[in-house]
Amino acid sequence: MKLGRRCFSVLILGFVTSSFSVSAFRIPLPFSTMSTAATAALVQHQFAPQAAELFNNMKTPASIIAGAMVPLGLLAPVLIQNPDGKPESRIETLMRRSYTPVTVIALLSEFISVVFATVAVNQLTETIVQPAASVWDLIQRDYDLSWAGTNAHFMFGMFSFAYLIAVRSYFNVGGGLLGRGVAGLATAALLYMVSIINRGVASGSGVVASGSGDKRLSYGTSVLSLFRHYGGLILARNSGRGFRPLELGAVALMVVSLITVVWAILQESKE
């Protein structure tokens, strides 16, 4: 009996001693006082696969839209002249004459988007990419122009594609009240797409903590901010020592060609 009590006392004493030793060593370490934000700022990971996936997400729909534009706008274009010989309003004439130029511009815009995305994916896959704090941080650091160009050209081509659908549907039903109604549906979808994209651009890639408070990572408040950012990057690349004759010549030729097309459409619509 006494031996059992002694064993029980030894067990109790051992439990109390072990509990005290565990709690005694629960002392906060010096580095645990570092703030969570400061610790997170030092942690960087490899986000190249996620960035490549984002570019592929843009490349696939851009290719689909480009493929749909060929039969819609080039293989079966809207006739410049009314086949019935009936007089048309100036707006209808502008719609007819702008159909093929808009098709060409939109198709080439989608091509540029695909090229931007393809080259970026190849670079992310073939080269050694430095770690970053997030996917957005990686894109802004190394692929800002590629990402802005991919999105800007894709969206411009998509908006132009909606315009082609509106014009095609208007003339397919013979214009009039029905044509206005069908074209209005395409225009409503276009406006809704712009609204969705505006919200996406404004929301950006989340919020991060900074010294002056929370900062939202985004291009701006609307799709116009994206286009302005893309244009600014093009100009910055061709200023000073970053001058690129081929790229600058392409931009200059594009501007001159656009002015020529618009001038020709406006002049011919007066006849």
C-alpha atoms as a PDB file:
ATOM      1  CA  MET A   1       0.000   0.000   0.000  1.00  0.00           C
ATOM      2  CA  LYS A   2       2.804   2.396   0.933  1.00  0.00           C
ATOM      3  CA  LEU A   3       4.616   1.469  -2.287  1.00  0.00           C
ATOM      4  CA  GLY A   4       1.535   2.424  -4.318  1.00  0.00           C
ATOM      5  CA  ARG A   5       1.248   5.780  -2.582  1.00  0.00           C
ATOM      6  CA  ARG A   6       4.930   6.498  -3.245  1.00  0.00           C
ATOM      7  CA  CYS A   7       4.525   5.686  -6.924  1.00  0.00           C
ATOM      8  CA  PHE A   8       1.475   7.939  -7.157  1.00  0.00           C
ATOM      9  CA  SER A   9       3.362  10.783  -5.460  1.00  0.00           C
ATOM     10  CA  VAL A  10       6.265  10.387  -7.884  1.00  0.00           C
ATOM     11  CA  LEU A  11       3.871  10.560 -10.866  1.00  0.00           C
ATOM     12  CA  ILE A  12       2.202  13.725  -9.533  1.00  0.00           C
ATOM     13  CA  LEU A  13       5.583  15.347  -8.882  1.00  0.00           C
ATOM     14  CA  GLY A  14       6.792  14.478 -12.382  1.00  0.00           C
ATOM     15  CA  PHE A  15       3.665  15.894 -14.032  1.00  0.00           C
ATOM     16  CA  VAL A  16       3.925  19.183 -12.118  1.00  0.00           C
ATOM     17  CA  THR A  17       7.619  19.486 -12.910  1.00  0.00           C
ATOM     18  CA  SER A  18       7.146  18.828 -16.622  1.00  0.00           C
ATOM     19  CA  SER A  19       4.253  21.299 -16.848  1.00  0.00           C
ATOM     20  CA  PHE A  20       6.354  23.962 -15.152  1.00  0.00           C
ATOM     21  CA  SER A  21       9.288  23.314 -17.446  1.00  0.00           C
ATOM     22  CA  VAL A  22       7.140  23.620 -20.576  1.00  0.00           C
ATOM     23  CA  SER A  23       5.461  26.832 -19.429  1.00  0.00           C
ATOM     24  CA  ALA A  24       8.766  28.265 -18.277  1.00  0.00           C
ATOM     25  CA  PHE A  25      10.221  27.991 -21.752  1.00  0.00           C
ATOM     26  CA  ARG A  26       7.267  29.730 -23.393  1.00  0.00           C
ATOM     27  CA  ILE A  27       9.218  32.960 -23.546  1.00  0.00           C
ATOM     28  CA  PRO A  28       8.648  35.261 -26.551  1.00  0.00           C
ATOM     29  CA  LEU A  29      11.667  35.210 -28.815  1.00  0.00           C
ATOM     30  CA  PRO A  30      13.203  38.546 -29.795  1.00  0.00           C
ATOM     31  CA  PHE A  31      12.334  38.226 -33.503  1.00  0.00           C
ATOM     32  CA  SER A  32       8.685  37.469 -32.758  1.00  0.00           C
ATOM     33  CA  THR A  33       8.145  41.158 -32.045  1.00  0.00           C
ATOM     34  CA  MET A  34       8.562  41.912 -35.797  1.00  0.00           C
ATOM     35  CA  SER A  35       5.301  43.111 -37.351  1.00  0.00           C
ATOM     36  CA  THR A  36       3.388  40.833 -39.669  1.00  0.00           C
ATOM     37  CA  ALA A  37       3.550  43.377 -42.484  1.00  0.00           C
ATOM     38  CA  ALA A  38       7.314  43.678 -42.214  1.00  0.00           C
ATOM     39  CA  THR A  39       7.708  39.906 -42.229  1.00  0.00           C
ATOM     40  CA  ALA A  40       5.434  39.571 -45.252  1.00  0.00           C
ATOM     41  CA  ALA A  41       7.401  42.236 -47.086  1.00  0.00           C
ATOM     42  CA  LEU A  42      10.540  40.101 -46.814  1.00  0.00           C
ATOM     43  CA  VAL A  43       8.861  36.929 -48.117  1.00  0.00           C
ATOM     44  CA  GLN A  44       9.056  36.450 -51.864  1.00  0.00           C
ATOM     45  CA  HIS A  45       8.046  33.475 -53.966  1.00  0.00           C
ATOM     46  CA  GLN A  46       8.286  32.245 -57.529  1.00  0.00           C
ATOM     47  CA  PHE A  47       5.175  33.424 -59.387  1.00  0.00           C
ATOM     48  CA  ALA A  48       6.367  32.812 -62.949  1.00  0.00           C
ATOM     49  CA  PRO A  49       3.920  29.912 -63.565  1.00  0.00           C
ATOM     50  CA  GLN A  50       0.965  31.971 -62.345  1.00  0.00           C
ATOM     51  CA  ALA A  51       2.015  34.935 -64.497  1.00  0.00           C
ATOM     52  CA  ALA A  52       2.338  32.665 -67.550  1.00  0.00           C
ATOM     53  CA  GLU A  53      -1.143  31.327 -66.858  1.00  0.00           C
ATOM     54  CA  LEU A  54      -2.543  34.867 -66.791  1.00  0.00           C
ATOM     55  CA  PHE A  55      -1.029  35.618 -70.192  1.00  0.00           C
ATOM     56  CA  ASN A  56      -2.423  32.345 -71.554  1.00  0.00           C
ATOM     57  CA  ASN A  57      -5.850  33.321 -70.221  1.00  0.00           C
ATOM     58  CA  MET A  58      -5.696  36.398 -72.450  1.00  0.00           C
ATOM     59  CA  LYS A  59      -4.127  34.689 -75.458  1.00  0.00           C
ATOM     60  CA  THR A  60      -6.843  32.062 -75.861  1.00  0.00           C
ATOM     61  CA  PRO A  61      -9.896  34.382 -76.103  1.00  0.00           C
ATOM     62  CA  ALA A  62      -7.930  36.814 -78.286  1.00  0.00           C
ATOM     63  CA  SER A  63      -7.234  33.978 -80.730  1.00  0.00           C
ATOM     64  CA  ILE A  64     -10.896  32.954 -80.729  1.00  0.00           C
ATOM     65  CA  ILE A  65     -12.107  36.494 -81.454  1.00  0.00           C
ATOM     66  CA  ALA A  66      -9.504  36.925 -84.202  1.00  0.00           C
ATOM     67  CA  GLY A  67     -10.629  33.692 -85.818  1.00  0.00           C
ATOM     68  CA  ALA A  68     -14.271  34.788 -85.721  1.00  0.00           C
ATOM     69  CA  MET A  69     -13.492  38.139 -87.337  1.00  0.00           C
ATOM     70  CA  VAL A  70     -12.147  36.629 -90.554  1.00  0.00           C
ATOM     71  CA  PRO A  71     -15.441  35.134 -91.836  1.00  0.00           C
ATOM     72  CA  LEU A  72     -17.553  37.893 -90.306  1.00  0.00           C
ATOM     73  CA  GLY A  73     -15.627  40.883 -91.590  1.00  0.00           C
ATOM     74  CA  LEU A  74     -13.380  39.839 -94.478  1.00  0.00           C
ATOM     75  CA  LEU A  75     -14.901  36.811 -96.204  1.00  0.00           C
ATOM     76  CA  ALA A  76     -18.426  38.246 -96.132  1.00  0.00           C
ATOM     77  CA  PRO A  77     -18.081  42.028 -95.732  1.00  0.00           C
ATOM     78  CA  VAL A  78     -20.922  44.509 -95.768  1.00  0.00           C
ATOM     79  CA  LEU A  79     -21.332  46.047 -99.233  1.00  0.00           C
ATOM     80  CA  ILE A  80     -20.197  49.650 -99.496  1.00  0.00           C
ATOM     81  CA  GLN A  81     -23.194  50.572-101.648  1.00  0.00           C
ATOM     82  CA  ASN A  82     -26.801  49.699-100.887  1.00  0.00           C
ATOM     83  CA  PRO A  83     -27.620  46.765-103.240  1.00  0.00           C
ATOM     84  CA  ASP A  84     -31.256  47.888-103.480  1.00  0.00           C
ATOM     85  CA  GLY A  85     -30.253  51.347-104.679  1.00  0.00           C
ATOM     86  CA  LYS A  86     -32.390  53.000-102.023  1.00  0.00           C
ATOM     87  CA  PRO A  87     -31.161  56.239-100.501  1.00  0.00           C
ATOM     88  CA  GLU A  88     -29.560  55.854 -97.067  1.00  0.00           C
ATOM     89  CA  SER A  89     -28.834  58.223 -94.246  1.00  0.00           C
ATOM     90  CA  ARG A  90     -25.333  59.486 -93.639  1.00  0.00           C
ATOM     91  CA  ILE A  91     -25.035  57.303 -90.532  1.00  0.00           C
ATOM     92  CA  GLU A  92     -25.841  54.199 -92.577  1.00  0.00           C
ATOM     93  CA  THR A  93     -23.254  55.180 -95.164  1.00  0.00           C
ATOM     94  CA  LEU A  94     -20.655  55.645 -92.422  1.00  0.00           C
ATOM     95  CA  MET A  95     -21.540  52.232 -91.018  1.00  0.00           C
ATOM     96  CA  ARG A  96     -21.099  50.577 -94.416  1.00  0.00           C
ATOM     97  CA  ARG A  97     -17.798  52.251 -95.242  1.00  0.00           C
ATOM     98  CA  SER A  98     -16.299  51.781 -91.773  1.00  0.00           C
ATOM     99  CA  TYR A  99     -17.105  48.083 -91.554  1.00  0.00           C
ATOM    100  CA  THR A 100     -14.046  46.713 -93.379  1.00  0.00           C
ATOM    101  CA  PRO A 101     -11.526  49.203 -91.893  1.00  0.00           C
ATOM    102  CA  VAL A 102     -12.770  48.442 -88.383  1.00  0.00           C
ATOM    103  CA  THR A 103     -12.475  44.719 -89.148  1.00  0.00           C
ATOM    104  CA  VAL A 104      -8.856  45.113 -90.211  1.00  0.00           C
ATOM    105  CA  ILE A 105      -7.969  47.258 -87.192  1.00  0.00           C
ATOM    106  CA  ALA A 106      -9.687  44.914 -84.736  1.00  0.00           C
ATOM    107  CA  LEU A 107      -8.151  41.800 -86.277  1.00  0.00           C
ATOM    108  CA  LEU A 108      -4.639  43.232 -86.176  1.00  0.00           C
ATOM    109  CA  SER A 109      -5.216  44.443 -82.626  1.00  0.00           C
ATOM    110  CA  GLU A 110      -6.022  40.898 -81.531  1.00  0.00           C
ATOM    111  CA  PHE A 111      -2.914  39.666 -83.367  1.00  0.00           C
ATOM    112  CA  ILE A 112      -0.770  42.120 -81.397  1.00  0.00           C
ATOM    113  CA  SER A 113      -2.389  40.935 -78.173  1.00  0.00           C
ATOM    114  CA  VAL A 114      -1.563  37.322 -79.030  1.00  0.00           C
ATOM    115  CA  VAL A 115       2.046  38.235 -79.886  1.00  0.00           C
ATOM    116  CA  PHE A 116       2.497  40.147 -76.612  1.00  0.00           C
ATOM    117  CA  ALA A 117       1.125  37.223 -74.604  1.00  0.00           C
ATOM    118  CA  THR A 118       3.077  34.559 -76.515  1.00  0.00           C
ATOM    119  CA  VAL A 119       6.432  36.301 -76.115  1.00  0.00           C
ATOM    120  CA  ALA A 120       5.772  36.912 -72.413  1.00  0.00           C
ATOM    121  CA  VAL A 121       4.882  33.257 -71.805  1.00  0.00           C
ATOM    122  CA  ASN A 122       8.052  32.156 -73.605  1.00  0.00           C
ATOM    123  CA  GLN A 123      10.196  34.488 -71.492  1.00  0.00           C
ATOM    124  CA  LEU A 124       8.531  33.345 -68.267  1.00  0.00           C
ATOM    125  CA  THR A 125       9.163  29.725 -69.228  1.00  0.00           C
ATOM    126  CA  GLU A 126      12.632  29.897 -70.772  1.00  0.00           C
ATOM    127  CA  THR A 127      14.399  32.395 -68.522  1.00  0.00           C
ATOM    128  CA  ILE A 128      15.206  32.539 -64.813  1.00  0.00           C
ATOM    129  CA  VAL A 129      12.617  34.809 -63.232  1.00  0.00           C
ATOM    130  CA  GLN A 130      13.467  36.491 -59.948  1.00  0.00           C
ATOM    131  CA  PRO A 131      11.068  35.861 -57.029  1.00  0.00           C
ATOM    132  CA  ALA A 132       8.465  38.493 -56.250  1.00  0.00           C
ATOM    133  CA  ALA A 133       6.008  39.394 -53.516  1.00  0.00           C
ATOM    134  CA  SER A 134       2.993  38.604 -55.732  1.00  0.00           C
ATOM    135  CA  VAL A 135       1.987  37.945 -59.307  1.00  0.00           C
ATOM    136  CA  TRP A 136       1.098  41.606 -59.742  1.00  0.00           C
ATOM    137  CA  ASP A 137       4.487  42.622 -58.357  1.00  0.00           C
ATOM    138  CA  LEU A 138       6.224  40.356 -60.876  1.00  0.00           C
ATOM    139  CA  ILE A 139       4.177  41.670 -63.803  1.00  0.00           C
ATOM    140  CA  GLN A 140       4.662  45.306 -62.832  1.00  0.00           C
ATOM    141  CA  ARG A 141       8.380  44.797 -62.368  1.00  0.00           C
ATOM    142  CA  ASP A 142       9.288  42.780 -65.469  1.00  0.00           C
ATOM    143  CA  TYR A 143       6.276  42.582 -67.808  1.00  0.00           C
ATOM    144  CA  ASP A 144       4.402  45.842 -67.397  1.00  0.00           C
ATOM    145  CA  LEU A 145       4.370  46.697 -71.100  1.00  0.00           C
ATOM    146  CA  SER A 146       3.528  43.136 -72.126  1.00  0.00           C
ATOM    147  CA  TRP A 147       0.584  42.901 -69.739  1.00  0.00           C
ATOM    148  CA  ALA A 148      -0.767  46.366 -70.533  1.00  0.00           C
ATOM    149  CA  GLY A 149      -0.386  45.748 -74.278  1.00  0.00           C
ATOM    150  CA  THR A 150      -2.045  42.340 -74.101  1.00  0.00           C
ATOM    151  CA  ASN A 151      -5.068  43.704 -72.259  1.00  0.00           C
ATOM    152  CA  ALA A 152      -5.353  46.972 -74.196  1.00  0.00           C
ATOM    153  CA  HIS A 153      -5.247  45.347 -77.637  1.00  0.00           C
ATOM    154  CA  PHE A 154      -7.542  42.523 -76.585  1.00  0.00           C
ATOM    155  CA  MET A 155     -10.175  44.889 -75.225  1.00  0.00           C
ATOM    156  CA  PHE A 156      -9.961  47.218 -78.217  1.00  0.00           C
ATOM    157  CA  GLY A 157     -10.426  44.261 -80.559  1.00  0.00           C
ATOM    158  CA  MET A 158     -13.332  42.967 -78.503  1.00  0.00           C
ATOM    159  CA  PHE A 159     -15.079  46.355 -78.519  1.00  0.00           C
ATOM    160  CA  SER A 160     -14.567  46.600 -82.277  1.00  0.00           C
ATOM    161  CA  PHE A 161     -15.942  43.084 -82.704  1.00  0.00           C
ATOM    162  CA  ALA A 162     -19.126  44.146 -80.909  1.00  0.00           C
ATOM    163  CA  TYR A 163     -19.386  47.091 -83.323  1.00  0.00           C
ATOM    164  CA  LEU A 164     -19.086  44.719 -86.288  1.00  0.00           C
ATOM    165  CA  ILE A 165     -21.881  42.564 -84.881  1.00  0.00           C
ATOM    166  CA  ALA A 166     -24.099  45.639 -84.493  1.00  0.00           C
ATOM    167  CA  VAL A 167     -23.461  46.832 -88.060  1.00  0.00           C
ATOM    168  CA  ARG A 168     -23.826  43.366 -89.587  1.00  0.00           C
ATOM    169  CA  SER A 169     -27.073  42.672 -87.754  1.00  0.00           C
ATOM    170  CA  TYR A 170     -28.474  46.078 -88.722  1.00  0.00           C
ATOM    171  CA  PHE A 171     -28.027  45.504 -92.455  1.00  0.00           C
ATOM    172  CA  ASN A 172     -28.929  41.804 -92.292  1.00  0.00           C
ATOM    173  CA  VAL A 173     -32.477  42.679 -91.248  1.00  0.00           C
ATOM    174  CA  GLY A 174     -32.752  45.535 -93.746  1.00  0.00           C
ATOM    175  CA  GLY A 175     -32.276  48.409 -91.314  1.00  0.00           C
ATOM    176  CA  GLY A 176     -35.354  50.286 -90.217  1.00  0.00           C
ATOM    177  CA  LEU A 177     -36.910  49.864 -86.811  1.00  0.00           C
ATOM    178  CA  LEU A 178     -35.932  46.199 -86.526  1.00  0.00           C
ATOM    179  CA  GLY A 179     -32.343  47.001 -87.468  1.00  0.00           C
ATOM    180  CA  ARG A 180     -32.146  49.695 -84.812  1.00  0.00           C
ATOM    181  CA  GLY A 181     -33.489  47.290 -82.221  1.00  0.00           C
ATOM    182  CA  VAL A 182     -31.032  44.499 -83.092  1.00  0.00           C
ATOM    183  CA  ALA A 183     -28.103  46.889 -83.265  1.00  0.00           C
ATOM    184  CA  GLY A 184     -29.219  48.339 -79.938  1.00  0.00           C
ATOM    185  CA  LEU A 185     -28.853  44.918 -78.331  1.00  0.00           C
ATOM    186  CA  ALA A 186     -25.233  44.709 -79.497  1.00  0.00           C
ATOM    187  CA  THR A 187     -24.594  48.260 -78.285  1.00  0.00           C
ATOM    188  CA  ALA A 188     -26.101  47.455 -74.878  1.00  0.00           C
ATOM    189  CA  ALA A 189     -23.827  44.410 -74.569  1.00  0.00           C
ATOM    190  CA  LEU A 190     -20.843  46.590 -75.510  1.00  0.00           C
ATOM    191  CA  LEU A 191     -21.675  49.148 -72.836  1.00  0.00           C
ATOM    192  CA  TYR A 192     -22.146  46.410 -70.268  1.00  0.00           C
ATOM    193  CA  MET A 193     -18.757  44.919 -71.151  1.00  0.00           C
ATOM    194  CA  VAL A 194     -17.147  48.339 -70.704  1.00  0.00           C
ATOM    195  CA  SER A 195     -18.789  48.630 -67.284  1.00  0.00           C
ATOM    196  CA  ILE A 196     -17.514  45.189 -66.238  1.00  0.00           C
ATOM    197  CA  ILE A 197     -13.994  45.999 -67.402  1.00  0.00           C
ATOM    198  CA  ASN A 198     -14.075  49.369 -65.639  1.00  0.00           C
ATOM    199  CA  ARG A 199     -14.870  47.630 -62.358  1.00  0.00           C
ATOM    200  CA  GLY A 200     -12.092  45.115 -62.981  1.00  0.00           C
ATOM    201  CA  VAL A 201      -9.534  47.805 -63.759  1.00  0.00           C
ATOM    202  CA  ALA A 202     -10.571  49.856 -60.723  1.00  0.00           C
ATOM    203  CA  SER A 203     -10.408  46.876 -58.343  1.00  0.00           C
ATOM    204  CA  GLY A 204      -6.953  45.937 -59.653  1.00  0.00           C
ATOM    205  CA  SER A 205      -5.026  43.271 -57.763  1.00  0.00           C
ATOM    206  CA  GLY A 206      -6.056  44.006 -54.206  1.00  0.00           C
ATOM    207  CA  VAL A 207      -4.808  46.322 -51.461  1.00  0.00           C
ATOM    208  CA  VAL A 208      -1.412  46.411 -49.779  1.00  0.00           C
ATOM    209  CA  ALA A 209      -0.283  48.259 -46.670  1.00  0.00           C
ATOM    210  CA  SER A 210       2.106  51.154 -47.158  1.00  0.00           C
ATOM    211  CA  GLY A 211       3.611  53.850 -45.009  1.00  0.00           C
ATOM    212  CA  SER A 212       0.897  56.350 -45.937  1.00  0.00           C
ATOM    213  CA  GLY A 213      -1.945  53.875 -45.549  1.00  0.00           C
ATOM    214  CA  ASP A 214      -3.517  51.175 -47.691  1.00  0.00           C
ATOM    215  CA  LYS A 215      -2.711  51.404 -51.387  1.00  0.00           C
ATOM    216  CA  ARG A 216      -4.770  49.786 -54.126  1.00  0.00           C
ATOM    217  CA  LEU A 217      -2.830  48.105 -56.931  1.00  0.00           C
ATOM    218  CA  SER A 218      -4.503  49.061 -60.205  1.00  0.00           C
ATOM    219  CA  TYR A 219      -4.037  51.000 -63.424  1.00  0.00           C
ATOM    220  CA  GLY A 220      -6.738  53.516 -62.542  1.00  0.00           C
ATOM    221  CA  THR A 221     -10.497  53.788 -62.408  1.00  0.00           C
ATOM    222  CA  SER A 222     -11.527  52.773 -65.933  1.00  0.00           C
ATOM    223  CA  VAL A 223     -10.403  51.121 -69.148  1.00  0.00           C
ATOM    224  CA  LEU A 224      -9.214  54.543 -70.330  1.00  0.00           C
ATOM    225  CA  SER A 225      -6.604  54.416 -67.564  1.00  0.00           C
ATOM    226  CA  LEU A 226      -5.335  51.148 -69.021  1.00  0.00           C
ATOM    227  CA  PHE A 227      -5.039  52.644 -72.521  1.00  0.00           C
ATOM    228  CA  ARG A 228      -3.339  55.744 -71.117  1.00  0.00           C
ATOM    229  CA  HIS A 229      -0.881  53.601 -69.166  1.00  0.00           C
ATOM    230  CA  TYR A 230      -0.091  51.538 -72.239  1.00  0.00           C
ATOM    231  CA  GLY A 231       0.480  54.646 -74.360  1.00  0.00           C
ATOM    232  CA  GLY A 232       2.725  56.122 -71.695  1.00  0.00           C
ATOM    233  CA  LEU A 233       4.853  52.979 -71.643  1.00  0.00           C
ATOM    234  CA  ILE A 234       5.235  53.080 -75.432  1.00  0.00           C
ATOM    235  CA  LEU A 235       6.372  56.705 -75.305  1.00  0.00           C
ATOM    236  CA  ALA A 236       8.722  56.024 -72.390  1.00  0.00           C
ATOM    237  CA  ARG A 237      10.374  53.161 -74.278  1.00  0.00           C
ATOM    238  CA  ASN A 238      11.099  55.438 -77.220  1.00  0.00           C
ATOM    239  CA  SER A 239      12.500  58.406 -75.314  1.00  0.00           C
ATOM    240  CA  GLY A 240      16.172  59.071 -74.784  1.00  0.00           C
ATOM    241  CA  ARG A 241      18.433  56.036 -75.027  1.00  0.00           C
ATOM    242  CA  GLY A 242      15.461  53.687 -75.279  1.00  0.00           C
ATOM    243  CA  PHE A 243      14.679  54.872 -78.812  1.00  0.00           C
ATOM    244  CA  ARG A 244      13.435  51.997 -81.003  1.00  0.00           C
ATOM    245  CA  PRO A 245      13.169  53.034 -84.670  1.00  0.00           C
ATOM    246  CA  LEU A 246      11.076  50.054 -85.795  1.00  0.00           C
ATOM    247  CA  GLU A 247       8.556  50.395 -82.985  1.00  0.00           C
ATOM    248  CA  LEU A 248       8.312  54.167 -83.297  1.00  0.00           C
ATOM    249  CA  GLY A 249       7.961  53.876 -87.077  1.00  0.00           C
ATOM    250  CA  ALA A 250       5.125  51.369 -86.631  1.00  0.00           C
ATOM    251  CA  VAL A 251       3.284  53.721 -84.281  1.00  0.00           C
ATOM    252  CA  ALA A 252       3.756  56.674 -86.642  1.00  0.00           C
ATOM    253  CA  LEU A 253       2.540  54.657 -89.636  1.00  0.00           C
ATOM    254  CA  MET A 254      -0.472  53.476 -87.668  1.00  0.00           C
ATOM    255  CA  VAL A 255      -1.447  57.023 -86.717  1.00  0.00           C
ATOM    256  CA  VAL A 256      -1.090  58.289 -90.293  1.00  0.00           C
ATOM    257  CA  SER A 257      -3.059  55.336 -91.649  1.00  0.00           C
ATOM    258  CA  LEU A 258      -5.861  55.856 -89.134  1.00  0.00           C
ATOM    259  CA  ILE A 259      -6.130  59.523 -90.051  1.00  0.00           C
ATOM    260  CA  THR A 260      -6.233  58.595 -93.742  1.00  0.00           C
ATOM    261  CA  VAL A 261      -8.965  56.003 -93.200  1.00  0.00           C
ATOM    262  CA  VAL A 262     -11.132  58.333 -91.120  1.00  0.00           C
ATOM    263  CA  TRP A 263     -10.688  61.181 -93.615  1.00  0.00           C
ATOM    264  CA  ALA A 264     -11.590  58.937 -96.550  1.00  0.00           C
ATOM    265  CA  ILE A 265     -14.707  57.595 -94.827  1.00  0.00           C
ATOM    266  CA  LEU A 266     -15.941  61.069 -93.912  1.00  0.00           C
ATOM    267  CA  GLN A 267     -15.283  62.446 -97.411  1.00  0.00           C
ATOM    268  CA  GLU A 268     -16.915  59.544 -99.249  1.00  0.00           C
ATOM    269  CA  SER A 269     -19.969  59.645 -97.004  1.00  0.00           C
ATOM    270  CA  LYS A 270     -20.690  63.189 -98.236  1.00  0.00           C
ATOM    271  CA  GLU A 271     -21.047  62.054-101.847  1.00  0.00           C
END
